[in-house]
Amino acid sequence: MSGKFWNPVSACAIIGILFLFTTLWNLQSHDNLYRQQADGQDPAVSEDEAGSSEVEVPELTEPRLSFLEIATKHGTDKVNPHHYNHMYEKYLDPVRDRPLKMLEIGLGCNMAYGPGKSYYTWLEFLPNVDLYYIEYDRACVEKWSHDMKNVKVFTGDQADTKFLETFISASGGGFDIIIDDGGHFMNQQITSLNKLFPIVKPGGMYFIEDLATSYQDSYGGKKGSGTMMEMVQELLDDLNRNVGGPGLKDGNTVGQEMRSVECGEEICAFFKKGLGDTEIRL
């Protein structure tokens, strides 16, 4: 081919060579793409980039058991036939990982299924709990003591004010949570609340279970005789006075220290004022 004349044969040869080269290059690119997809690689990531980083696989963890599930597993009656799980999950689940000092009255020695069902429930549900018990059945406590770990048990009657004073001194008070699942008699529930609510920490909680006994003669639950539920009504009256305290029987101070009360089926929760609460509410 000279600079003056165009040779058609030469032009066709050049075009054919370029077409062949382009075809071979495309075939090689498609082959590489197929290999990357077969190996599970991202075709948009270069080999250097793919080799310089690792894919993070999220760690799979089992869902955390609820109070209902834990209590059912250990066989406590707090969820069947009772339904206290609604109250405990509402107020204790948000703080379950905190270090909590807790007292439960009643180890379950008089239960047909034996003691300790709620003990195991609390240890699992509250992993950082400092757990205390009050139980009146000394023989039961001594028999069961070899199975007890991470718990302090005091033996005595929850209606005995001298015993409760001894317990307060020995335990140091300052409980975040107190649960009365003891004898369920009126004098037991009322005496315990009067003596032990003052040692609940500001902002703490006090629960009383099995309040149906306020309506059962066998537990002293005769209307007008000073039942636990009648005391709850007195506390509600006191809570809604301008000044907490006046009118409560026997110089009761629970009303002055109480922020609120919530009751459900057979259970009431008493919430103590926090440090920032005033003594007089207008």
C-alpha atoms as a PDB file:
ATOM      1  CA  MET A   1       0.000   0.000   0.000  1.00  0.00           C
ATOM      2  CA  SER A   2       1.462   3.372  -1.025  1.00  0.00           C
ATOM      3  CA  GLY A   3       0.518   6.768   0.266  1.00  0.00           C
ATOM      4  CA  LYS A   4      -1.388   7.402  -2.972  1.00  0.00           C
ATOM      5  CA  PHE A   5      -3.391   4.211  -3.488  1.00  0.00           C
ATOM      6  CA  TRP A   6      -5.530   2.156  -0.969  1.00  0.00           C
ATOM      7  CA  ASN A   7      -5.105  -1.596  -1.322  1.00  0.00           C
ATOM      8  CA  PRO A   8      -8.477  -3.284  -0.416  1.00  0.00           C
ATOM      9  CA  VAL A   9      -6.795  -6.609   0.295  1.00  0.00           C
ATOM     10  CA  SER A  10      -4.467  -5.110   2.883  1.00  0.00           C
ATOM     11  CA  ALA A  11      -7.314  -3.222   4.547  1.00  0.00           C
ATOM     12  CA  CYS A  12      -9.399  -6.374   4.877  1.00  0.00           C
ATOM     13  CA  ALA A  13      -6.453  -8.221   6.372  1.00  0.00           C
ATOM     14  CA  ILE A  14      -5.926  -5.546   9.033  1.00  0.00           C
ATOM     15  CA  ILE A  15      -9.626  -5.458   9.932  1.00  0.00           C
ATOM     16  CA  GLY A  16      -9.691  -9.254  10.217  1.00  0.00           C
ATOM     17  CA  ILE A  17      -6.700  -9.297  12.562  1.00  0.00           C
ATOM     18  CA  LEU A  18      -8.300  -6.633  14.814  1.00  0.00           C
ATOM     19  CA  PHE A  19     -11.609  -8.538  14.920  1.00  0.00           C
ATOM     20  CA  LEU A  20      -9.839 -11.779  15.843  1.00  0.00           C
ATOM     21  CA  PHE A  21      -7.885 -10.076  18.656  1.00  0.00           C
ATOM     22  CA  THR A  22     -11.051  -8.463  20.107  1.00  0.00           C
ATOM     23  CA  THR A  23     -12.927 -11.758  20.034  1.00  0.00           C
ATOM     24  CA  LEU A  24     -10.138 -13.615  21.838  1.00  0.00           C
ATOM     25  CA  TRP A  25      -9.935 -10.879  24.526  1.00  0.00           C
ATOM     26  CA  ASN A  26     -13.691 -11.009  25.184  1.00  0.00           C
ATOM     27  CA  LEU A  27     -13.623 -14.784  25.451  1.00  0.00           C
ATOM     28  CA  GLN A  28     -10.820 -14.596  28.035  1.00  0.00           C
ATOM     29  CA  SER A  29     -12.728 -11.964  30.084  1.00  0.00           C
ATOM     30  CA  HIS A  30     -15.918 -14.055  30.134  1.00  0.00           C
ATOM     31  CA  ASP A  31     -13.909 -17.101  31.188  1.00  0.00           C
ATOM     32  CA  ASN A  32     -12.397 -15.177  34.142  1.00  0.00           C
ATOM     33  CA  LEU A  33     -15.841 -13.899  35.179  1.00  0.00           C
ATOM     34  CA  TYR A  34     -17.257 -17.419  35.141  1.00  0.00           C
ATOM     35  CA  ARG A  35     -14.385 -18.708  37.269  1.00  0.00           C
ATOM     36  CA  GLN A  36     -14.895 -15.933  39.860  1.00  0.00           C
ATOM     37  CA  GLN A  37     -18.621 -16.616  40.127  1.00  0.00           C
ATOM     38  CA  ALA A  38     -17.993 -20.354  40.443  1.00  0.00           C
ATOM     39  CA  ASP A  39     -15.537 -19.687  43.299  1.00  0.00           C
ATOM     40  CA  GLY A  40     -18.024 -17.403  45.086  1.00  0.00           C
ATOM     41  CA  GLN A  41     -15.975 -14.247  44.485  1.00  0.00           C
ATOM     42  CA  ASP A  42     -17.372 -10.815  43.771  1.00  0.00           C
ATOM     43  CA  PRO A  43     -16.397 -10.020  40.151  1.00  0.00           C
ATOM     44  CA  ALA A  44     -16.308  -6.308  41.056  1.00  0.00           C
ATOM     45  CA  VAL A  45     -13.477  -6.916  43.559  1.00  0.00           C
ATOM     46  CA  SER A  46      -9.954  -7.396  42.287  1.00  0.00           C
ATOM     47  CA  GLU A  47      -7.836 -10.369  43.328  1.00  0.00           C
ATOM     48  CA  ASP A  48      -5.632  -8.086  45.452  1.00  0.00           C
ATOM     49  CA  GLU A  49      -8.676  -6.583  47.199  1.00  0.00           C
ATOM     50  CA  ALA A  50     -10.256  -9.992  47.693  1.00  0.00           C
ATOM     51  CA  GLY A  51      -7.118 -11.341  49.304  1.00  0.00           C
ATOM     52  CA  SER A  52      -6.565  -8.344  51.589  1.00  0.00           C
ATOM     53  CA  SER A  53      -9.837  -8.518  53.588  1.00  0.00           C
ATOM     54  CA  GLU A  54     -11.913 -11.170  55.349  1.00  0.00           C
ATOM     55  CA  VAL A  55     -15.671 -11.436  55.287  1.00  0.00           C
ATOM     56  CA  GLU A  56     -17.116 -10.998  58.817  1.00  0.00           C
ATOM     57  CA  VAL A  57     -19.724 -13.620  59.626  1.00  0.00           C
ATOM     58  CA  PRO A  58     -22.174 -12.490  62.349  1.00  0.00           C
ATOM     59  CA  GLU A  59     -22.038 -14.641  65.471  1.00  0.00           C
ATOM     60  CA  LEU A  60     -25.264 -16.525  66.120  1.00  0.00           C
ATOM     61  CA  THR A  61     -26.444 -16.513  69.744  1.00  0.00           C
ATOM     62  CA  GLU A  62     -29.388 -18.268  71.330  1.00  0.00           C
ATOM     63  CA  PRO A  63     -32.287 -16.007  72.384  1.00  0.00           C
ATOM     64  CA  ARG A  64     -32.345 -15.163  76.088  1.00  0.00           C
ATOM     65  CA  LEU A  65     -34.922 -16.960  78.202  1.00  0.00           C
ATOM     66  CA  SER A  66     -37.699 -14.872  79.726  1.00  0.00           C
ATOM     67  CA  PHE A  67     -38.805 -15.057  83.358  1.00  0.00           C
ATOM     68  CA  LEU A  68     -41.779 -17.151  82.257  1.00  0.00           C
ATOM     69  CA  GLU A  69     -39.528 -19.658  80.498  1.00  0.00           C
ATOM     70  CA  ILE A  70     -37.014 -19.851  83.349  1.00  0.00           C
ATOM     71  CA  ALA A  71     -39.700 -20.208  86.030  1.00  0.00           C
ATOM     72  CA  THR A  72     -41.493 -22.876  83.999  1.00  0.00           C
ATOM     73  CA  LYS A  73     -38.234 -24.796  83.574  1.00  0.00           C
ATOM     74  CA  HIS A  74     -37.577 -24.842  87.339  1.00  0.00           C
ATOM     75  CA  GLY A  75     -41.189 -25.611  88.277  1.00  0.00           C
ATOM     76  CA  THR A  76     -42.078 -22.698  90.557  1.00  0.00           C
ATOM     77  CA  ASP A  77     -45.754 -21.856  91.006  1.00  0.00           C
ATOM     78  CA  LYS A  78     -45.016 -18.172  90.320  1.00  0.00           C
ATOM     79  CA  VAL A  79     -46.161 -18.729  86.732  1.00  0.00           C
ATOM     80  CA  ASN A  80     -48.472 -21.716  87.075  1.00  0.00           C
ATOM     81  CA  PRO A  81     -51.059 -21.549  88.588  1.00  0.00           C
ATOM     82  CA  HIS A  82     -50.145 -17.937  89.425  1.00  0.00           C
ATOM     83  CA  HIS A  83     -49.230 -15.389  86.787  1.00  0.00           C
ATOM     84  CA  TYR A  84     -46.660 -13.234  88.526  1.00  0.00           C
ATOM     85  CA  ASN A  85     -44.470 -13.297  85.424  1.00  0.00           C
ATOM     86  CA  HIS A  86     -46.362 -10.283  84.067  1.00  0.00           C
ATOM     87  CA  MET A  87     -45.265  -8.150  87.013  1.00  0.00           C
ATOM     88  CA  TYR A  88     -41.727  -9.495  87.258  1.00  0.00           C
ATOM     89  CA  GLU A  89     -40.993  -9.268  83.554  1.00  0.00           C
ATOM     90  CA  LYS A  90     -42.334  -5.719  83.469  1.00  0.00           C
ATOM     91  CA  TYR A  91     -40.191  -4.392  86.321  1.00  0.00           C
ATOM     92  CA  LEU A  92     -37.280  -6.793  86.782  1.00  0.00           C
ATOM     93  CA  ASP A  93     -36.368  -7.659  83.208  1.00  0.00           C
ATOM     94  CA  PRO A  94     -35.019  -4.127  82.477  1.00  0.00           C
ATOM     95  CA  VAL A  95     -32.602  -4.395  85.452  1.00  0.00           C
ATOM     96  CA  ARG A  96     -31.821  -8.126  85.390  1.00  0.00           C
ATOM     97  CA  ASP A  97     -28.125  -7.677  84.548  1.00  0.00           C
ATOM     98  CA  ARG A  98     -27.450  -5.161  87.313  1.00  0.00           C
ATOM     99  CA  PRO A  99     -25.888  -6.157  90.642  1.00  0.00           C
ATOM    100  CA  LEU A 100     -29.006  -6.429  92.819  1.00  0.00           C
ATOM    101  CA  LYS A 101     -29.444  -7.196  96.508  1.00  0.00           C
ATOM    102  CA  MET A 102     -32.633  -9.194  96.900  1.00  0.00           C
ATOM    103  CA  LEU A 103     -34.598 -10.808  99.729  1.00  0.00           C
ATOM    104  CA  GLU A 104     -37.334 -13.379  99.273  1.00  0.00           C
ATOM    105  CA  ILE A 105     -39.452 -14.462 102.222  1.00  0.00           C
ATOM    106  CA  GLY A 106     -40.327 -18.143 101.880  1.00  0.00           C
ATOM    107  CA  LEU A 107     -38.068 -20.866 100.519  1.00  0.00           C
ATOM    108  CA  GLY A 108     -40.992 -23.099  99.559  1.00  0.00           C
ATOM    109  CA  CYS A 109     -40.545 -25.673 102.328  1.00  0.00           C
ATOM    110  CA  ASN A 110     -44.303 -26.131 102.640  1.00  0.00           C
ATOM    111  CA  MET A 111     -44.824 -26.717  98.931  1.00  0.00           C
ATOM    112  CA  ALA A 112     -45.670 -30.183  97.625  1.00  0.00           C
ATOM    113  CA  TYR A 113     -42.855 -29.974  95.077  1.00  0.00           C
ATOM    114  CA  GLY A 114     -40.286 -29.059  97.728  1.00  0.00           C
ATOM    115  CA  PRO A 115     -38.092 -26.035  98.421  1.00  0.00           C
ATOM    116  CA  GLY A 116     -35.827 -24.065  96.142  1.00  0.00           C
ATOM    117  CA  LYS A 117     -37.803 -23.721  92.914  1.00  0.00           C
ATOM    118  CA  SER A 118     -37.844 -19.935  93.050  1.00  0.00           C
ATOM    119  CA  TYR A 119     -34.234 -19.958  94.331  1.00  0.00           C
ATOM    120  CA  TYR A 120     -33.016 -21.553  91.096  1.00  0.00           C
ATOM    121  CA  THR A 121     -35.290 -19.268  89.093  1.00  0.00           C
ATOM    122  CA  TRP A 122     -33.827 -16.097  90.598  1.00  0.00           C
ATOM    123  CA  LEU A 123     -30.223 -17.233  90.232  1.00  0.00           C
ATOM    124  CA  GLU A 124     -30.753 -17.822  86.522  1.00  0.00           C
ATOM    125  CA  PHE A 125     -32.954 -14.808  85.820  1.00  0.00           C
ATOM    126  CA  LEU A 126     -30.766 -12.381  87.812  1.00  0.00           C
ATOM    127  CA  PRO A 127     -27.169 -13.497  87.127  1.00  0.00           C
ATOM    128  CA  ASN A 128     -25.612 -10.830  89.377  1.00  0.00           C
ATOM    129  CA  VAL A 129     -28.007 -11.126  92.314  1.00  0.00           C
ATOM    130  CA  ASP A 130     -26.930 -11.082  95.971  1.00  0.00           C
ATOM    131  CA  LEU A 131     -29.688 -13.363  97.237  1.00  0.00           C
ATOM    132  CA  TYR A 132     -31.128 -13.630 100.776  1.00  0.00           C
ATOM    133  CA  TYR A 133     -33.955 -15.775 102.158  1.00  0.00           C
ATOM    134  CA  ILE A 134     -36.094 -15.788 105.283  1.00  0.00           C
ATOM    135  CA  GLU A 135     -37.609 -19.200 106.093  1.00  0.00           C
ATOM    136  CA  TYR A 136     -39.346 -20.307 109.300  1.00  0.00           C
ATOM    137  CA  ASP A 137     -38.822 -24.089 108.848  1.00  0.00           C
ATOM    138  CA  ARG A 138     -35.398 -24.734 110.391  1.00  0.00           C
ATOM    139  CA  ALA A 139     -35.401 -28.500 109.712  1.00  0.00           C
ATOM    140  CA  CYS A 140     -36.115 -27.885 106.037  1.00  0.00           C
ATOM    141  CA  VAL A 141     -33.306 -25.335 105.773  1.00  0.00           C
ATOM    142  CA  GLU A 142     -30.803 -27.661 107.442  1.00  0.00           C
ATOM    143  CA  LYS A 143     -31.796 -30.544 105.166  1.00  0.00           C
ATOM    144  CA  TRP A 144     -31.589 -28.436 102.033  1.00  0.00           C
ATOM    145  CA  SER A 145     -28.471 -26.454 102.976  1.00  0.00           C
ATOM    146  CA  HIS A 146     -26.060 -28.777 101.130  1.00  0.00           C
ATOM    147  CA  ASP A 147     -27.704 -27.741  97.841  1.00  0.00           C
ATOM    148  CA  MET A 148     -27.523 -24.013  98.557  1.00  0.00           C
ATOM    149  CA  LYS A 149     -24.934 -21.838  96.821  1.00  0.00           C
ATOM    150  CA  ASN A 150     -24.690 -18.069  96.451  1.00  0.00           C
ATOM    151  CA  VAL A 151     -27.453 -17.481  98.984  1.00  0.00           C
ATOM    152  CA  LYS A 152     -27.805 -16.460 102.638  1.00  0.00           C
ATOM    153  CA  VAL A 153     -30.711 -18.009 104.559  1.00  0.00           C
ATOM    154  CA  PHE A 154     -32.047 -16.681 107.876  1.00  0.00           C
ATOM    155  CA  THR A 155     -34.401 -18.876 109.888  1.00  0.00           C
ATOM    156  CA  GLY A 156     -37.269 -17.217 111.740  1.00  0.00           C
ATOM    157  CA  ASP A 157     -40.879 -16.032 111.672  1.00  0.00           C
ATOM    158  CA  GLN A 158     -41.616 -13.067 109.434  1.00  0.00           C
ATOM    159  CA  ALA A 159     -44.276 -11.914 111.910  1.00  0.00           C
ATOM    160  CA  ASP A 160     -41.710 -11.726 114.747  1.00  0.00           C
ATOM    161  CA  THR A 161     -40.503  -8.124 114.954  1.00  0.00           C
ATOM    162  CA  LYS A 162     -37.483  -9.039 117.104  1.00  0.00           C
ATOM    163  CA  PHE A 163     -36.367 -11.606 114.536  1.00  0.00           C
ATOM    164  CA  LEU A 164     -36.812  -9.066 111.744  1.00  0.00           C
ATOM    165  CA  GLU A 165     -34.711  -6.536 113.640  1.00  0.00           C
ATOM    166  CA  THR A 166     -31.980  -9.162 114.027  1.00  0.00           C
ATOM    167  CA  PHE A 167     -32.191  -9.912 110.318  1.00  0.00           C
ATOM    168  CA  ILE A 168     -31.949  -6.222 109.405  1.00  0.00           C
ATOM    169  CA  SER A 169     -28.853  -5.815 111.542  1.00  0.00           C
ATOM    170  CA  ALA A 170     -27.166  -8.957 110.213  1.00  0.00           C
ATOM    171  CA  SER A 171     -27.995  -8.373 106.544  1.00  0.00           C
ATOM    172  CA  GLY A 172     -27.188  -4.682 106.544  1.00  0.00           C
ATOM    173  CA  GLY A 173     -30.450  -3.773 104.812  1.00  0.00           C
ATOM    174  CA  GLY A 174     -30.233  -1.800 101.613  1.00  0.00           C
ATOM    175  CA  PHE A 175     -32.245  -4.199  99.443  1.00  0.00           C
ATOM    176  CA  ASP A 176     -33.102  -3.370  95.854  1.00  0.00           C
ATOM    177  CA  ILE A 177     -35.896  -5.944  95.792  1.00  0.00           C
ATOM    178  CA  ILE A 178     -37.944  -7.688  98.494  1.00  0.00           C
ATOM    179  CA  ILE A 179     -40.510 -10.376  97.677  1.00  0.00           C
ATOM    180  CA  ASP A 180     -42.945 -11.702 100.279  1.00  0.00           C
ATOM    181  CA  ASP A 181     -43.889 -15.257  99.332  1.00  0.00           C
ATOM    182  CA  GLY A 182     -43.982 -16.418 102.931  1.00  0.00           C
ATOM    183  CA  GLY A 183     -46.800 -17.664 105.132  1.00  0.00           C
ATOM    184  CA  HIS A 184     -49.517 -15.443 103.567  1.00  0.00           C
ATOM    185  CA  PHE A 185     -51.243 -14.781 106.918  1.00  0.00           C
ATOM    186  CA  MET A 186     -52.381 -11.206 107.506  1.00  0.00           C
ATOM    187  CA  ASN A 187     -50.094 -10.548 110.468  1.00  0.00           C
ATOM    188  CA  GLN A 188     -47.126 -11.929 108.532  1.00  0.00           C
ATOM    189  CA  GLN A 189     -47.656  -9.826 105.423  1.00  0.00           C
ATOM    190  CA  ILE A 190     -48.446  -6.628 107.308  1.00  0.00           C
ATOM    191  CA  THR A 191     -45.650  -6.948 109.882  1.00  0.00           C
ATOM    192  CA  SER A 192     -43.069  -7.722 107.208  1.00  0.00           C
ATOM    193  CA  LEU A 193     -44.083  -4.757 105.063  1.00  0.00           C
ATOM    194  CA  ASN A 194     -43.969  -2.359 108.007  1.00  0.00           C
ATOM    195  CA  LYS A 195     -40.550  -3.548 109.186  1.00  0.00           C
ATOM    196  CA  LEU A 196     -38.820  -4.265 105.888  1.00  0.00           C
ATOM    197  CA  PHE A 197     -40.045  -1.570 103.515  1.00  0.00           C
ATOM    198  CA  PRO A 198     -37.859   1.016 105.309  1.00  0.00           C
ATOM    199  CA  ILE A 199     -34.732  -1.013 104.394  1.00  0.00           C
ATOM    200  CA  VAL A 200     -35.563  -1.030 100.688  1.00  0.00           C
ATOM    201  CA  LYS A 201     -33.177   1.252  98.814  1.00  0.00           C
ATOM    202  CA  PRO A 202     -34.543   4.514  97.388  1.00  0.00           C
ATOM    203  CA  GLY A 203     -36.144   3.626  94.074  1.00  0.00           C
ATOM    204  CA  GLY A 204     -36.403  -0.041  95.077  1.00  0.00           C
ATOM    205  CA  MET A 205     -39.347  -2.445  94.908  1.00  0.00           C
ATOM    206  CA  TYR A 206     -41.319  -4.563  97.392  1.00  0.00           C
ATOM    207  CA  PHE A 207     -43.652  -7.287  96.074  1.00  0.00           C
ATOM    208  CA  ILE A 208     -46.309  -9.196  98.029  1.00  0.00           C
ATOM    209  CA  GLU A 209     -47.644 -12.398  96.458  1.00  0.00           C
ATOM    210  CA  ASP A 210     -50.733 -14.510  97.184  1.00  0.00           C
ATOM    211  CA  LEU A 211     -52.958 -11.596  98.159  1.00  0.00           C
ATOM    212  CA  ALA A 212     -56.039 -13.744  97.600  1.00  0.00           C
ATOM    213  CA  THR A 213     -55.571 -14.809 101.238  1.00  0.00           C
ATOM    214  CA  SER A 214     -57.012 -11.421 102.250  1.00  0.00           C
ATOM    215  CA  TYR A 215     -60.377 -12.941 101.342  1.00  0.00           C
ATOM    216  CA  GLN A 216     -59.886 -16.357 102.949  1.00  0.00           C
ATOM    217  CA  ASP A 217     -60.974 -16.958 106.552  1.00  0.00           C
ATOM    218  CA  SER A 218     -58.302 -19.608 107.095  1.00  0.00           C
ATOM    219  CA  TYR A 219     -55.615 -16.926 106.695  1.00  0.00           C
ATOM    220  CA  GLY A 220     -57.381 -14.319 108.812  1.00  0.00           C
ATOM    221  CA  GLY A 221     -58.803 -12.655 105.748  1.00  0.00           C
ATOM    222  CA  LYS A 222     -62.113 -11.506 107.117  1.00  0.00           C
ATOM    223  CA  LYS A 223     -63.386  -8.160 105.864  1.00  0.00           C
ATOM    224  CA  GLY A 224     -62.977  -5.415 108.427  1.00  0.00           C
ATOM    225  CA  SER A 225     -60.411  -7.357 110.451  1.00  0.00           C
ATOM    226  CA  GLY A 226     -57.345  -5.574 109.096  1.00  0.00           C
ATOM    227  CA  THR A 227     -56.378  -7.567 106.030  1.00  0.00           C
ATOM    228  CA  MET A 228     -53.378  -6.921 103.824  1.00  0.00           C
ATOM    229  CA  MET A 229     -55.593  -5.632 101.026  1.00  0.00           C
ATOM    230  CA  GLU A 230     -57.278  -3.247 103.449  1.00  0.00           C
ATOM    231  CA  MET A 231     -53.823  -1.914 104.270  1.00  0.00           C
ATOM    232  CA  VAL A 232     -53.171  -1.478 100.545  1.00  0.00           C
ATOM    233  CA  GLN A 233     -56.299   0.663 100.365  1.00  0.00           C
ATOM    234  CA  GLU A 234     -55.101   2.712 103.339  1.00  0.00           C
ATOM    235  CA  LEU A 235     -51.769   3.243 101.607  1.00  0.00           C
ATOM    236  CA  LEU A 236     -53.532   4.375  98.447  1.00  0.00           C
ATOM    237  CA  ASP A 237     -55.587   6.816 100.511  1.00  0.00           C
ATOM    238  CA  ASP A 238     -52.431   8.091 102.156  1.00  0.00           C
ATOM    239  CA  LEU A 239     -50.616   8.347  98.826  1.00  0.00           C
ATOM    240  CA  ASN A 240     -53.291  10.706  97.567  1.00  0.00           C
ATOM    241  CA  ARG A 241     -53.355  12.999 100.582  1.00  0.00           C
ATOM    242  CA  ASN A 242     -51.559  16.332 100.375  1.00  0.00           C
ATOM    243  CA  VAL A 243     -49.158  15.220 103.098  1.00  0.00           C
ATOM    244  CA  GLY A 244     -48.110  11.578 103.406  1.00  0.00           C
ATOM    245  CA  GLY A 245     -48.650   9.836 106.697  1.00  0.00           C
ATOM    246  CA  PRO A 246     -51.629  11.100 108.731  1.00  0.00           C
ATOM    247  CA  GLY A 247     -54.336   8.575 109.327  1.00  0.00           C
ATOM    248  CA  LEU A 248     -52.257   5.428 108.953  1.00  0.00           C
ATOM    249  CA  LYS A 249     -52.551   2.918 111.749  1.00  0.00           C
ATOM    250  CA  ASP A 250     -49.836   2.354 114.348  1.00  0.00           C
ATOM    251  CA  GLY A 251     -47.602   5.145 113.116  1.00  0.00           C
ATOM    252  CA  ASN A 252     -47.098   3.424 109.748  1.00  0.00           C
ATOM    253  CA  THR A 253     -44.364   5.137 107.734  1.00  0.00           C
ATOM    254  CA  VAL A 254     -44.742   3.099 104.540  1.00  0.00           C
ATOM    255  CA  GLY A 255     -47.020   5.760 103.065  1.00  0.00           C
ATOM    256  CA  GLN A 256     -44.450   8.523 103.492  1.00  0.00           C
ATOM    257  CA  GLU A 257     -41.731   6.491 101.770  1.00  0.00           C
ATOM    258  CA  MET A 258     -43.870   5.075  98.974  1.00  0.00           C
ATOM    259  CA  ARG A 259     -43.890   6.530  95.469  1.00  0.00           C
ATOM    260  CA  SER A 260     -46.602   4.306  93.966  1.00  0.00           C
ATOM    261  CA  VAL A 261     -48.423   0.976  94.102  1.00  0.00           C
ATOM    262  CA  GLU A 262     -49.331  -1.358  91.265  1.00  0.00           C
ATOM    263  CA  CYS A 263     -51.499  -4.423  91.747  1.00  0.00           C
ATOM    264  CA  GLY A 264     -52.197  -7.344  89.470  1.00  0.00           C
ATOM    265  CA  GLU A 265     -53.827 -10.725  89.961  1.00  0.00           C
ATOM    266  CA  GLU A 266     -52.892 -11.802  93.534  1.00  0.00           C
ATOM    267  CA  ILE A 267     -49.816  -9.529  93.645  1.00  0.00           C
ATOM    268  CA  CYS A 268     -48.998  -5.909  94.497  1.00  0.00           C
ATOM    269  CA  ALA A 269     -45.762  -4.002  93.939  1.00  0.00           C
ATOM    270  CA  PHE A 270     -44.801  -1.097  96.209  1.00  0.00           C
ATOM    271  CA  PHE A 271     -42.274   1.347  94.783  1.00  0.00           C
ATOM    272  CA  LYS A 272     -40.095   3.418  97.077  1.00  0.00           C
ATOM    273  CA  LYS A 273     -39.322   7.063  96.458  1.00  0.00           C
ATOM    274  CA  GLY A 274     -36.000   7.877  94.877  1.00  0.00           C
ATOM    275  CA  LEU A 275     -33.445  10.207  96.407  1.00  0.00           C
ATOM    276  CA  GLY A 276     -34.779  13.114  94.370  1.00  0.00           C
ATOM    277  CA  ASP A 277     -38.385  12.770  95.553  1.00  0.00           C
ATOM    278  CA  THR A 278     -39.795  15.322  97.973  1.00  0.00           C
ATOM    279  CA  GLU A 279     -41.442  14.324 101.222  1.00  0.00           C
ATOM    280  CA  ILE A 280     -44.489  16.499 100.563  1.00  0.00           C
ATOM    281  CA  ARG A 281     -46.335  16.293  97.251  1.00  0.00           C
ATOM    282  CA  LEU A 282     -48.784  19.031  96.359  1.00  0.00           C
END
